[in-house]
Amino acid sequence: MEELHPYDRMVVYCQQAPDLFIRNASSLLSSPESPTALTGLSKDIYDTANGHKQNAADLFTKLNFWKSFSNYCGAKMKAYGFFMAGSTLNGFALKTSDVDLVILTRSKVKHKHNKRKMGVELSWIINIFKSNPSVSQAQMRKMGDKPYIYFKELINGYDVDVTMNLMDSILNSHLLFRYTQVDWRVKPLGIIIKLFAKNQNLFGTFEHSFNSYHMMLMLIHYLQYGAKPAVVPCLHKSAQKMFSRSEKVFDIDFFKPMNIQFTSNNRQTLEELLLGFFDYYNKFNFDMTVMSIRLGAAYPKNQWMTMVDKKIFHSYRSPILKLEEPFEQKNAARKVSDEKSFNKTRAAFKKAHQKLIERRDIKCIFSKFI
């Protein structure tokens, strides 16, 4: 039998992927169990995270939406594949989290240097989306220089963002998911930090704002490098083959055993780590330091600029937050330029640390500070 061309194989895989994820949904929801009984603020953190995280019903509903939407559009867009990304798959989804989809197609090559043709193609795709009775308000938006499609899904009320050929979004979803599988403390900390940020209105609604992806990268960096000893390893080093950059979606396996040789010697509680997270970034020199979870370290900006590829040098030169994209290696926060918003974030971190020390009650960081 003749082997399929990689693009055709990609389309076939995307058609089959929703069923694959539905069959393995329990693996997406699972995470290591706490080895000991929890007490005090640590128990409060754990229980609150469990009460707000995406549950089985939430996940199945989103996966079935992916399947039905992909089937509907696939019948009209036979050379295109639809893949889910973002918090639904990365382990840090809240019950209220939105849905992210990535369209994969040959046009990454075809339209690489022709934004007009890409715009025409996206307009055609929007019209197909609008023909779906469960879609409302379909429109083109921009994040930096990258256009994407937004729509409201009417049956479940999801806000849906659809990007085009953004493979790094899928790679990053897989990477973050794998970090939640390394240590039982990663997921509850991530859920609590997202809840805190949402309640404090720290995530902006426009491209120059801080977002939840930045926050989760900061958490992983802290658990790799800020916490002593490290809570999690650098997976780019511990499982190098699994996390090499791939342009083929069928090479990304969410369900393959990771089998890394790592045991954390860190015995800190959730309480200690959450306080440590806020304290680490209260003291962090954002102007002069670059964070890299790909390398598992932080680097002085001047040293980093001698290490980075000249093609992406500019992305680290002036932004407020210097946070390496784990696969693309550009600054993931290169568009974060709203200094007022970022200063609000830093002030909220400081206030959260103070309030948790005073009250030892997780609810105290959810009431608005500013």
Protein backbone atom coordinates (compact mmCIF):
# COMPACT_ATOMS: atom_id res chain seq x y z
CA MET A 1 0.00 0.00 0.00
CA GLU A 2 1.36 3.41 -1.00
CA GLU A 3 2.32 5.60 1.96
CA LEU A 4 0.31 8.79 2.36
CA HIS A 5 1.92 12.17 1.74
CA PRO A 6 2.56 13.88 5.13
CA TYR A 7 -0.12 16.51 4.43
CA ASP A 8 -2.70 13.85 3.61
CA ARG A 9 -1.62 11.88 6.66
CA MET A 10 -2.07 15.03 8.74
CA VAL A 11 -5.66 15.47 7.53
CA VAL A 12 -6.49 11.82 8.21
CA TYR A 13 -4.93 12.01 11.68
CA CYS A 14 -6.89 15.17 12.53
CA GLN A 15 -10.10 13.41 11.49
CA GLN A 16 -9.32 10.51 13.81
CA ALA A 17 -7.84 12.52 16.70
CA PRO A 18 -11.10 13.50 18.50
CA ASP A 19 -12.06 9.85 18.92
CA LEU A 20 -8.53 9.03 20.09
CA PHE A 21 -8.73 11.72 22.76
CA ILE A 22 -12.27 10.74 23.78
CA ARG A 23 -11.11 7.14 24.32
CA ASN A 24 -8.16 8.35 26.39
CA ALA A 25 -9.87 11.22 28.21
CA SER A 26 -9.14 9.69 31.63
CA SER A 27 -5.41 10.09 30.91
CA LEU A 28 -5.88 13.81 30.28
CA LEU A 29 -7.65 14.22 33.62
CA SER A 30 -5.30 12.14 35.70
CA SER A 31 -2.34 13.44 37.70
CA PRO A 32 -0.17 11.97 40.45
CA GLU A 33 -1.82 11.69 43.87
CA SER A 34 -0.61 13.47 46.98
CA PRO A 35 1.57 11.03 48.93
CA THR A 36 0.36 12.31 52.32
CA ALA A 37 -2.78 13.71 53.88
CA LEU A 38 -3.02 17.48 53.47
CA THR A 39 -3.80 19.98 56.22
CA GLY A 40 -4.31 23.70 56.65
CA LEU A 41 -3.73 26.03 53.70
CA SER A 42 -2.30 23.20 51.57
CA LYS A 43 -5.59 21.29 51.87
CA ASP A 44 -7.47 24.51 51.11
CA ILE A 45 -5.38 25.01 47.93
CA TYR A 46 -5.87 21.41 46.81
CA ASP A 47 -9.64 21.33 47.45
CA THR A 48 -10.22 24.72 45.81
CA ALA A 49 -8.26 23.67 42.72
CA ASN A 50 -10.22 20.42 42.46
CA GLY A 51 -13.48 22.32 42.75
CA HIS A 52 -12.64 24.69 39.88
CA LYS A 53 -10.66 22.54 37.47
CA GLN A 54 -12.11 21.05 34.28
CA ASN A 55 -13.89 17.80 35.18
CA ALA A 56 -14.74 14.74 33.10
CA ALA A 57 -18.08 16.14 31.90
CA ASP A 58 -16.43 19.44 30.84
CA LEU A 59 -13.69 17.61 28.95
CA PHE A 60 -16.02 15.19 27.17
CA THR A 61 -18.27 18.06 26.09
CA LYS A 62 -15.32 19.95 24.57
CA LEU A 63 -13.89 16.86 22.88
CA ASN A 64 -17.28 16.06 21.37
CA PHE A 65 -17.59 19.65 20.17
CA TRP A 66 -14.16 19.24 18.51
CA LYS A 67 -15.37 16.05 16.82
CA SER A 68 -18.68 17.44 15.55
CA PHE A 69 -17.19 20.76 14.42
CA SER A 70 -14.30 19.00 12.68
CA ASN A 71 -16.71 16.63 10.91
CA TYR A 72 -18.94 19.50 9.77
CA CYS A 73 -16.08 21.65 8.45
CA GLY A 74 -14.08 18.69 7.15
CA ALA A 75 -16.87 17.79 4.75
CA LYS A 76 -16.50 21.25 3.18
CA MET A 77 -12.73 21.70 3.70
CA LYS A 78 -11.23 18.38 2.68
CA ALA A 79 -7.60 19.56 2.61
CA TYR A 80 -7.76 20.92 6.17
CA GLY A 81 -7.36 19.36 9.60
CA PHE A 82 -8.65 20.66 12.93
CA PHE A 83 -6.73 20.02 16.15
CA MET A 84 -7.52 21.11 19.69
CA ALA A 85 -4.95 23.01 21.75
CA GLY A 86 -4.74 25.25 24.80
CA SER A 87 -5.95 24.61 28.33
CA THR A 88 -8.47 21.89 27.37
CA LEU A 89 -5.51 19.59 26.75
CA ASN A 90 -2.68 21.11 28.79
CA GLY A 91 -3.95 20.15 32.25
CA PHE A 92 -4.64 23.66 33.55
CA ALA A 93 -8.21 24.17 32.32
CA LEU A 94 -10.85 25.69 34.57
CA LYS A 95 -14.52 24.81 34.27
CA THR A 96 -14.97 28.19 32.57
CA SER A 97 -12.01 27.94 30.16
CA ASP A 98 -12.60 28.64 26.49
CA VAL A 99 -11.73 26.44 23.50
CA ASP A 100 -8.73 26.76 21.19
CA LEU A 101 -8.55 25.06 17.79
CA VAL A 102 -5.75 25.01 15.23
CA ILE A 103 -6.40 24.62 11.50
CA LEU A 104 -3.60 22.69 9.82
CA THR A 105 -3.17 22.95 6.05
CA ARG A 106 -0.71 23.15 3.19
CA SER A 107 -1.17 26.92 3.10
CA LYS A 108 1.61 27.41 5.68
CA VAL A 109 3.96 27.05 2.73
CA LYS A 110 1.64 28.47 0.10
CA HIS A 111 0.90 31.72 1.97
CA LYS A 112 4.09 32.15 3.99
CA HIS A 113 4.99 35.44 2.32
CA ASN A 114 1.55 36.45 1.03
CA LYS A 115 -0.68 37.87 3.74
CA ARG A 116 -3.29 38.96 1.20
CA LYS A 117 -3.84 35.36 0.08
CA MET A 118 -4.01 34.22 3.68
CA GLY A 119 -6.64 36.90 4.36
CA VAL A 120 -8.70 35.67 1.40
CA GLU A 121 -8.44 32.09 2.66
CA LEU A 122 -9.47 33.05 6.19
CA SER A 123 -12.47 34.97 4.84
CA TRP A 124 -13.54 31.84 2.95
CA ILE A 125 -13.14 29.77 6.14
CA ILE A 126 -15.23 32.27 8.15
CA ASN A 127 -18.07 31.89 5.66
CA ILE A 128 -17.97 28.11 6.14
CA PHE A 129 -18.02 28.56 9.91
CA LYS A 130 -21.02 30.90 9.61
CA SER A 131 -22.94 28.21 7.74
CA ASN A 132 -22.77 26.04 10.88
CA PRO A 133 -25.97 26.65 12.92
CA SER A 134 -24.05 26.32 16.20
CA VAL A 135 -21.70 29.21 15.30
CA SER A 136 -22.39 32.88 16.01
CA GLN A 137 -20.35 36.11 15.69
CA ALA A 138 -17.63 34.52 13.51
CA GLN A 139 -15.02 37.20 12.78
CA MET A 140 -11.36 37.71 12.01
CA ARG A 141 -9.14 39.15 14.72
CA LYS A 142 -5.40 39.73 15.11
CA MET A 143 -2.86 38.77 17.76
CA GLY A 144 0.23 40.70 16.80
CA ASP A 145 0.85 39.98 13.14
CA LYS A 146 -1.05 36.67 13.28
CA PRO A 147 -4.71 36.68 12.25
CA TYR A 148 -7.12 34.25 13.87
CA ILE A 149 -10.85 33.54 13.83
CA TYR A 150 -13.12 34.02 16.83
CA PHE A 151 -16.66 32.71 17.18
CA LYS A 152 -19.26 31.97 19.83
CA GLU A 153 -20.40 28.34 20.03
CA LEU A 154 -24.11 28.43 20.81
CA ILE A 155 -24.86 24.99 22.26
CA ASN A 156 -22.42 25.14 25.19
CA GLY A 157 -21.63 28.86 25.15
CA TYR A 158 -17.90 28.48 24.42
CA ASP A 159 -15.77 31.33 23.14
CA VAL A 160 -13.66 29.67 20.44
CA ASP A 161 -10.36 30.94 19.00
CA VAL A 162 -9.15 29.31 15.78
CA THR A 163 -5.58 29.88 14.65
CA MET A 164 -4.00 28.72 11.42
CA ASN A 165 -0.95 26.45 11.19
CA LEU A 166 0.16 27.38 14.71
CA MET A 167 1.88 24.08 15.46
CA ASP A 168 3.69 25.56 18.46
CA SER A 169 0.32 25.95 20.17
CA ILE A 170 -0.17 22.17 20.01
CA LEU A 171 3.45 21.48 21.02
CA ASN A 172 3.14 23.80 24.02
CA SER A 173 -0.15 22.21 25.08
CA HIS A 174 1.54 18.81 25.06
CA LEU A 175 4.58 20.12 26.97
CA LEU A 176 2.51 21.76 29.74
CA PHE A 177 0.33 18.64 30.02
CA ARG A 178 3.44 16.51 30.55
CA TYR A 179 4.63 18.81 33.34
CA THR A 180 1.33 18.21 35.18
CA GLN A 181 2.13 14.48 35.06
CA VAL A 182 5.58 14.79 36.68
CA ASP A 183 4.54 15.93 40.17
CA TRP A 184 1.17 16.05 41.92
CA ARG A 185 1.69 19.66 43.04
CA VAL A 186 1.95 21.18 39.54
CA LYS A 187 -1.72 21.08 38.53
CA PRO A 188 -3.31 22.47 41.75
CA LEU A 189 -0.74 25.28 41.84
CA GLY A 190 -1.47 26.17 38.22
CA ILE A 191 -5.25 26.13 38.76
CA ILE A 192 -4.99 28.33 41.86
CA ILE A 193 -2.65 30.82 40.16
CA LYS A 194 -5.03 31.07 37.18
CA LEU A 195 -8.01 31.59 39.53
CA PHE A 196 -6.06 34.27 41.40
CA ALA A 197 -5.13 36.07 38.16
CA LYS A 198 -8.68 35.93 36.80
CA ASN A 199 -10.18 37.24 40.02
CA GLN A 200 -7.65 40.09 40.06
CA ASN A 201 -8.31 40.86 36.35
CA LEU A 202 -4.64 40.40 35.52
CA PHE A 203 -5.26 38.82 32.13
CA GLY A 204 -5.87 41.49 29.51
CA THR A 205 -8.19 41.22 26.54
CA PHE A 206 -5.79 42.62 23.97
CA GLU A 207 -2.49 41.59 22.44
CA HIS A 208 -0.16 43.69 24.60
CA SER A 209 -1.42 42.15 27.85
CA PHE A 210 -0.23 39.42 30.13
CA ASN A 211 -2.10 36.11 29.62
CA SER A 212 -2.59 32.71 31.26
CA TYR A 213 -0.02 31.02 29.02
CA HIS A 214 2.67 33.42 30.24
CA MET A 215 1.60 32.70 33.83
CA MET A 216 1.86 28.92 33.37
CA LEU A 217 5.34 29.24 31.84
CA MET A 218 6.33 31.35 34.85
CA LEU A 219 5.02 28.65 37.18
CA ILE A 220 7.00 25.90 35.43
CA HIS A 221 10.12 28.08 35.49
CA TYR A 222 9.70 28.62 39.23
CA LEU A 223 9.21 24.89 39.87
CA GLN A 224 12.30 24.08 37.75
CA TYR A 225 14.64 26.80 38.91
CA GLY A 226 13.20 29.00 41.67
CA ALA A 227 12.15 26.23 44.05
CA LYS A 228 15.08 24.54 45.79
CA PRO A 229 15.44 21.62 45.23
CA ALA A 230 13.61 21.56 41.89
CA VAL A 231 10.05 20.21 41.88
CA VAL A 232 10.15 19.31 38.17
CA PRO A 233 13.00 18.64 35.74
CA CYS A 234 13.68 20.30 32.41
CA LEU A 235 11.72 17.98 30.10
CA HIS A 236 13.57 19.24 27.02
CA LYS A 237 16.63 17.63 28.59
CA SER A 238 15.04 14.66 30.36
CA ALA A 239 12.92 13.56 27.37
CA GLN A 240 14.72 15.24 24.48
CA LYS A 241 13.22 13.17 21.66
CA MET A 242 9.68 13.64 22.90
CA PHE A 243 10.04 17.42 22.95
CA SER A 244 12.00 18.13 19.79
CA ARG A 245 10.22 20.63 17.56
CA SER A 246 8.07 18.87 14.98
CA GLU A 247 5.91 20.21 12.18
CA LYS A 248 3.95 16.93 12.06
CA VAL A 249 0.96 16.77 14.37
CA PHE A 250 0.89 12.97 14.21
CA ASP A 251 4.33 12.93 15.91
CA ILE A 252 2.85 14.46 19.09
CA ASP A 253 1.65 11.66 21.35
CA PHE A 254 -0.17 12.80 24.49
CA PHE A 255 -0.61 9.23 25.72
CA LYS A 256 2.81 7.63 25.26
CA PRO A 257 4.54 6.87 28.60
CA MET A 258 7.26 9.44 29.32
CA ASN A 259 9.60 7.24 31.40
CA ILE A 260 11.95 9.97 32.64
CA GLN A 261 14.61 9.34 35.27
CA PHE A 262 13.67 12.01 37.80
CA THR A 263 12.63 12.02 41.45
CA SER A 264 12.21 15.35 43.15
CA ASN A 265 13.91 15.80 46.51
CA ASN A 266 11.67 18.81 47.17
CA ARG A 267 9.29 18.08 50.07
CA GLN A 268 7.65 21.50 50.25
CA THR A 269 3.91 21.71 50.75
CA LEU A 270 1.46 23.42 48.39
CA GLU A 271 1.33 26.29 50.89
CA GLU A 272 5.11 26.72 50.86
CA LEU A 273 5.34 26.52 47.08
CA LEU A 274 2.51 29.00 46.46
CA LEU A 275 4.09 31.47 48.87
CA GLY A 276 7.45 30.77 47.24
CA PHE A 277 6.03 31.47 43.77
CA PHE A 278 4.80 34.93 44.76
CA ASP A 279 7.98 35.70 46.70
CA TYR A 280 10.24 34.58 43.82
CA TYR A 281 8.57 36.96 41.37
CA ASN A 282 8.34 39.79 43.91
CA LYS A 283 12.15 39.75 43.95
CA PHE A 284 12.63 38.93 40.25
CA ASN A 285 14.51 41.36 38.02
CA PHE A 286 12.21 41.33 34.99
CA ASP A 287 14.16 44.03 33.15
CA MET A 288 17.44 42.14 33.11
CA THR A 289 16.52 38.43 33.28
CA VAL A 290 15.30 35.90 30.70
CA MET A 291 13.40 32.77 31.78
CA SER A 292 13.77 29.56 29.79
CA ILE A 293 11.92 26.34 30.63
CA ARG A 294 13.60 24.78 27.56
CA LEU A 295 16.93 25.11 29.35
CA GLY A 296 15.54 24.97 32.89
CA ALA A 297 17.21 28.19 34.01
CA ALA A 298 17.20 31.99 34.14
CA TYR A 299 19.88 34.01 32.38
CA PRO A 300 21.09 37.62 32.64
CA LYS A 301 19.76 39.46 29.61
CA ASN A 302 23.25 40.41 28.40
CA GLN A 303 24.38 36.78 28.46
CA TRP A 304 21.18 35.60 26.77
CA MET A 305 21.67 38.04 23.90
CA THR A 306 24.97 36.33 23.08
CA MET A 307 23.25 32.92 23.04
CA VAL A 308 20.11 33.64 21.03
CA ASP A 309 19.77 33.37 17.25
CA LYS A 310 20.12 36.75 15.53
CA LYS A 311 16.80 36.21 13.73
CA ILE A 312 14.92 36.44 17.05
CA PHE A 313 17.32 38.78 18.86
CA HIS A 314 14.91 41.73 18.65
CA SER A 315 12.13 39.91 20.51
CA TYR A 316 14.17 40.11 23.76
CA ARG A 317 15.55 43.62 23.39
CA SER A 318 12.86 45.78 24.99
CA PRO A 319 9.72 43.90 26.19
CA ILE A 320 8.73 44.09 29.87
CA LEU A 321 8.65 40.30 30.25
CA LYS A 322 11.37 38.06 28.81
CA LEU A 323 10.04 34.53 28.67
CA GLU A 324 11.33 32.10 26.07
CA GLU A 325 8.85 30.25 23.85
CA PRO A 326 9.92 26.63 24.50
CA PHE A 327 9.91 25.55 20.84
CA GLU A 328 10.02 28.66 18.67
CA GLN A 329 12.58 30.19 21.07
CA LYS A 330 11.36 33.74 20.49
CA ASN A 331 10.20 35.76 23.47
CA ALA A 332 6.69 34.42 24.20
CA ALA A 333 5.88 37.74 25.86
CA ARG A 334 7.38 39.96 23.16
CA LYS A 335 4.06 41.80 22.69
CA VAL A 336 3.58 42.51 26.39
CA SER A 337 4.17 46.25 26.46
CA ASP A 338 1.37 47.53 28.69
CA GLU A 339 3.52 48.68 31.60
CA LYS A 340 0.56 49.81 33.70
CA SER A 341 -1.05 46.37 33.42
CA PHE A 342 2.19 44.56 34.21
CA ASN A 343 2.86 46.78 37.24
CA LYS A 344 -0.64 45.86 38.44
CA THR A 345 0.36 42.20 38.15
CA ARG A 346 3.50 42.72 40.21
CA ALA A 347 1.56 44.64 42.85
CA ALA A 348 -1.01 41.84 43.02
CA PHE A 349 1.75 39.25 43.51
CA LYS A 350 3.12 41.27 46.43
CA LYS A 351 -0.32 41.71 47.98
CA ALA A 352 -1.15 38.01 47.58
CA HIS A 353 2.04 37.02 49.38
CA GLN A 354 1.29 39.39 52.25
CA LYS A 355 -2.34 38.30 52.62
CA LEU A 356 -1.54 34.58 52.55
CA ILE A 357 1.04 35.00 55.30
CA GLU A 358 -1.40 37.02 57.42
CA ARG A 359 -4.57 34.94 56.92
CA ARG A 360 -3.56 31.46 55.71
CA ASP A 361 -6.85 31.35 53.79
CA ILE A 362 -6.83 30.81 50.01
CA LYS A 363 -10.01 32.84 49.54
CA CYS A 364 -8.17 35.98 50.63
CA ILE A 365 -6.31 36.20 47.28
CA PHE A 366 -9.51 35.97 45.23
CA SER A 367 -11.12 39.20 46.50
CA LYS A 368 -9.97 42.15 44.39
CA PHE A 369 -6.96 44.05 45.71
CA ILE A 370 -7.02 47.00 43.29
